[in-house]
Amino acid sequence: MPLFMTMTKDFEVGYRRKTALKATVVAFFTIICFAMTGQLLFRFFGISVDSLRIVGGIIFFIMGQDMLQARLGNTKITESEMEKHVTDISITPLAIPMMCGPGAITNAIVLMQDANNLTMKIILIVIVLIICTITYLVLLASSPIMKVLGETGIKIMLRLMGLIMMVIAVEFFFAGLKPFVKEMMK
């Protein structure tokens, strides 16, 4: 929510809702797509979840650095550019990798693989839908919180979340890199 708040602080409420909805829908379909086809895609392209972690870490680090330097909050967008900007940030970084990162994708693949029958697969899809709905509601709650925090509070939160995102990015990066280093050491 803090990333969403800082990235959409200059948006009108309608655009903020649209951004939250689009990010949530993209995250839902991405998770479901990977759950259904993840093992097949990873084998076909010869990629691993660890590679996904490394890329997610790099994306998180860049976003965290922008937040730490308060570059996200200073972006002024004209009304004509708003639709494109909403689409851009709702897909990356909000939906992917924030809502639907390497951990969520990996869990979805493993849980779908472990689901023994159609009922279990449907239950998994419904649970993902419930989680995405809750996420959407949490993002909608950011508007009143932004009013309480004010401009200074949002700037402080932006920088703190940037630092936290950079730490998460380093963890993602090295968690993905560790298996590659172990393999090279053999």
Protein backbone atom coordinates (compact mmCIF):
# COMPACT_ATOMS: atom_id res chain seq x y z
CA MET A 1 0.00 0.00 0.00
CA PRO A 2 2.76 2.55 0.73
CA LEU A 3 4.21 2.13 -2.76
CA PHE A 4 0.74 2.49 -4.25
CA MET A 5 0.13 5.60 -2.13
CA THR A 6 3.33 7.30 -3.18
CA MET A 7 3.03 6.39 -6.84
CA THR A 8 -0.56 7.61 -7.09
CA LYS A 9 -0.45 10.61 -4.75
CA ASP A 10 -1.09 13.07 -7.59
CA PHE A 11 -3.92 10.97 -9.08
CA GLU A 12 -7.55 11.83 -8.69
CA VAL A 13 -9.56 9.23 -6.75
CA GLY A 14 -11.02 7.77 -9.96
CA TYR A 15 -7.59 7.18 -11.49
CA ARG A 16 -6.34 5.75 -8.20
CA ARG A 17 -9.24 3.26 -8.19
CA LYS A 18 -8.63 2.39 -11.83
CA THR A 19 -4.92 1.82 -11.14
CA ALA A 20 -5.69 -0.41 -8.15
CA LEU A 21 -8.24 -2.42 -10.13
CA LYS A 22 -5.98 -2.86 -13.15
CA ALA A 23 -2.99 -3.89 -11.00
CA THR A 24 -5.10 -6.38 -9.06
CA VAL A 25 -6.65 -7.91 -12.19
CA VAL A 26 -3.23 -8.20 -13.89
CA ALA A 27 -1.77 -9.82 -10.74
CA PHE A 28 -4.68 -12.29 -10.54
CA PHE A 29 -4.41 -13.40 -14.16
CA THR A 30 -0.60 -13.56 -13.98
CA ILE A 31 -0.71 -15.82 -10.93
CA ILE A 32 -3.39 -18.04 -12.48
CA CYS A 33 -1.52 -18.21 -15.79
CA PHE A 34 1.69 -19.26 -14.08
CA ALA A 35 -0.18 -21.69 -11.83
CA MET A 36 -1.67 -23.43 -14.87
CA THR A 37 1.33 -23.32 -17.20
CA GLY A 38 4.32 -22.42 -15.02
CA GLN A 39 6.14 -25.73 -14.98
CA LEU A 40 5.67 -26.13 -18.73
CA LEU A 41 6.88 -22.58 -19.49
CA PHE A 42 9.89 -22.82 -17.21
CA ARG A 43 10.95 -26.14 -18.76
CA PHE A 44 10.30 -24.93 -22.32
CA PHE A 45 12.42 -21.78 -21.93
CA GLY A 46 14.94 -23.40 -19.60
CA ILE A 47 14.49 -20.77 -16.92
CA SER A 48 14.25 -21.19 -13.18
CA VAL A 49 12.47 -19.49 -10.35
CA ASP A 50 15.89 -18.31 -9.22
CA SER A 51 16.27 -16.32 -12.44
CA LEU A 52 12.87 -14.79 -11.73
CA ARG A 53 14.07 -13.83 -8.24
CA ILE A 54 17.16 -12.10 -9.65
CA VAL A 55 15.14 -10.06 -12.16
CA GLY A 56 12.53 -9.22 -9.50
CA GLY A 57 15.35 -8.07 -7.22
CA ILE A 58 16.76 -5.79 -9.89
CA ILE A 59 13.33 -4.26 -10.59
CA PHE A 60 12.69 -3.79 -6.85
CA PHE A 61 16.10 -2.18 -6.38
CA ILE A 62 15.57 0.35 -9.17
CA MET A 63 12.11 1.23 -7.83
CA GLY A 64 13.47 1.47 -4.27
CA GLN A 65 16.25 3.78 -5.40
CA ASP A 66 13.75 6.04 -7.16
CA MET A 67 11.61 6.10 -4.03
CA LEU A 68 14.57 6.79 -1.74
CA GLN A 69 15.51 9.76 -3.91
CA ALA A 70 11.83 10.81 -4.06
CA ARG A 71 11.80 10.70 -7.86
CA LEU A 72 8.40 8.98 -8.01
CA GLY A 73 6.62 11.71 -6.09
CA ASN A 74 7.79 14.53 -8.32
CA THR A 75 6.36 13.19 -11.57
CA LYS A 76 3.77 15.56 -12.99
CA ILE A 77 1.43 13.95 -15.46
CA THR A 78 -0.91 15.75 -17.79
CA GLU A 79 -4.50 14.60 -18.14
CA SER A 80 -3.81 13.26 -21.64
CA GLU A 81 -0.91 11.13 -20.35
CA MET A 82 -2.81 9.81 -17.33
CA GLU A 83 -4.35 6.73 -19.02
CA LYS A 84 -0.97 5.54 -20.30
CA HIS A 85 0.69 6.20 -16.93
CA VAL A 86 -2.04 4.28 -15.06
CA THR A 87 -1.47 1.31 -17.37
CA ASP A 88 2.31 1.55 -17.02
CA ILE A 89 2.48 1.59 -13.22
CA SER A 90 -0.43 -0.78 -12.71
CA ILE A 91 1.39 -3.52 -14.62
CA THR A 92 4.96 -2.82 -13.47
CA PRO A 93 5.83 -2.40 -10.62
CA LEU A 94 2.45 -2.74 -8.88
CA ALA A 95 1.06 -5.99 -10.35
CA ILE A 96 4.45 -7.45 -11.24
CA PRO A 97 6.61 -7.81 -9.09
CA MET A 98 4.90 -6.19 -6.06
CA MET A 99 1.64 -8.19 -5.95
CA CYS A 100 2.72 -11.06 -8.13
CA GLY A 101 6.40 -11.58 -7.48
CA PRO A 102 8.66 -14.60 -7.60
CA GLY A 103 7.33 -15.93 -4.29
CA ALA A 104 3.68 -15.74 -5.32
CA ILE A 105 4.41 -17.26 -8.72
CA THR A 106 6.44 -20.09 -7.22
CA ASN A 107 3.77 -20.83 -4.62
CA ALA A 108 1.05 -20.83 -7.25
CA ILE A 109 2.99 -23.26 -9.44
CA VAL A 110 3.76 -25.61 -6.54
CA LEU A 111 0.23 -25.49 -5.08
CA MET A 112 -1.38 -26.10 -8.48
CA GLN A 113 0.98 -29.00 -9.09
CA ASP A 114 0.06 -30.46 -5.66
CA ALA A 115 -3.70 -30.07 -6.29
CA ASN A 116 -4.76 -33.66 -6.99
CA ASN A 117 -8.18 -33.07 -8.52
CA LEU A 118 -10.34 -30.45 -10.20
CA THR A 119 -11.99 -29.44 -6.91
CA MET A 120 -8.62 -28.62 -5.33
CA LYS A 121 -7.61 -26.60 -8.41
CA ILE A 122 -10.87 -24.61 -8.30
CA ILE A 123 -10.39 -23.97 -4.56
CA LEU A 124 -6.89 -22.65 -5.26
CA ILE A 125 -8.20 -20.29 -7.95
CA VAL A 126 -10.98 -19.04 -5.63
CA ILE A 127 -8.45 -18.41 -2.84
CA VAL A 128 -6.24 -16.41 -5.21
CA LEU A 129 -9.33 -14.41 -6.23
CA ILE A 130 -10.18 -13.71 -2.57
CA ILE A 131 -6.62 -12.58 -1.84
CA CYS A 132 -6.62 -10.28 -4.87
CA THR A 133 -9.97 -8.82 -3.82
CA ILE A 134 -8.63 -8.09 -0.33
CA THR A 135 -5.54 -6.51 -1.89
CA TYR A 136 -7.74 -4.28 -4.03
CA LEU A 137 -9.72 -3.17 -0.96
CA VAL A 138 -6.50 -2.39 0.91
CA LEU A 139 -5.28 -0.27 -2.02
CA LEU A 140 -8.59 1.61 -2.05
CA ALA A 141 -8.09 2.39 1.64
CA SER A 142 -4.94 4.33 0.76
CA SER A 143 -6.89 7.48 -0.21
CA PRO A 144 -8.12 8.28 3.31
CA ILE A 145 -4.73 7.36 4.76
CA MET A 146 -3.04 9.80 2.38
CA LYS A 147 -5.26 12.60 3.69
CA VAL A 148 -4.24 11.80 7.28
CA LEU A 149 -0.51 11.57 6.50
CA GLY A 150 -0.33 14.79 4.52
CA GLU A 151 2.46 15.79 2.15
CA THR A 152 5.27 15.45 4.71
CA GLY A 153 4.08 12.05 5.91
CA ILE A 154 3.88 10.77 2.35
CA LYS A 155 7.43 11.97 1.63
CA ILE A 156 8.72 10.25 4.76
CA MET A 157 6.87 7.06 3.88
CA LEU A 158 8.19 7.22 0.32
CA ARG A 159 11.79 7.28 1.49
CA LEU A 160 11.30 4.62 4.17
CA MET A 161 9.55 2.30 1.74
CA GLY A 162 12.30 2.94 -0.81
CA LEU A 163 14.87 1.77 1.72
CA ILE A 164 12.79 -1.29 2.63
CA MET A 165 12.27 -2.11 -1.07
CA MET A 166 16.01 -1.95 -1.68
CA VAL A 167 16.61 -4.37 1.20
CA ILE A 168 13.94 -6.73 -0.17
CA ALA A 169 15.56 -6.40 -3.60
CA VAL A 170 18.95 -7.44 -2.26
CA GLU A 171 17.34 -10.46 -0.53
CA PHE A 172 15.55 -11.46 -3.76
CA PHE A 173 18.71 -11.01 -5.79
CA PHE A 174 20.95 -13.08 -3.52
CA ALA A 175 18.30 -15.75 -2.92
CA GLY A 176 18.18 -16.18 -6.69
CA LEU A 177 21.94 -15.96 -7.12
CA LYS A 178 22.86 -18.44 -4.38
CA PRO A 179 21.90 -21.61 -6.33
CA PHE A 180 23.87 -20.41 -9.37
CA VAL A 181 26.97 -19.75 -7.23
CA LYS A 182 26.64 -23.16 -5.54
CA GLU A 183 26.40 -24.81 -8.94
CA MET A 184 29.54 -22.99 -10.16
CA MET A 185 31.46 -24.00 -7.03
CA LYS A 186 30.92 -27.73 -7.75
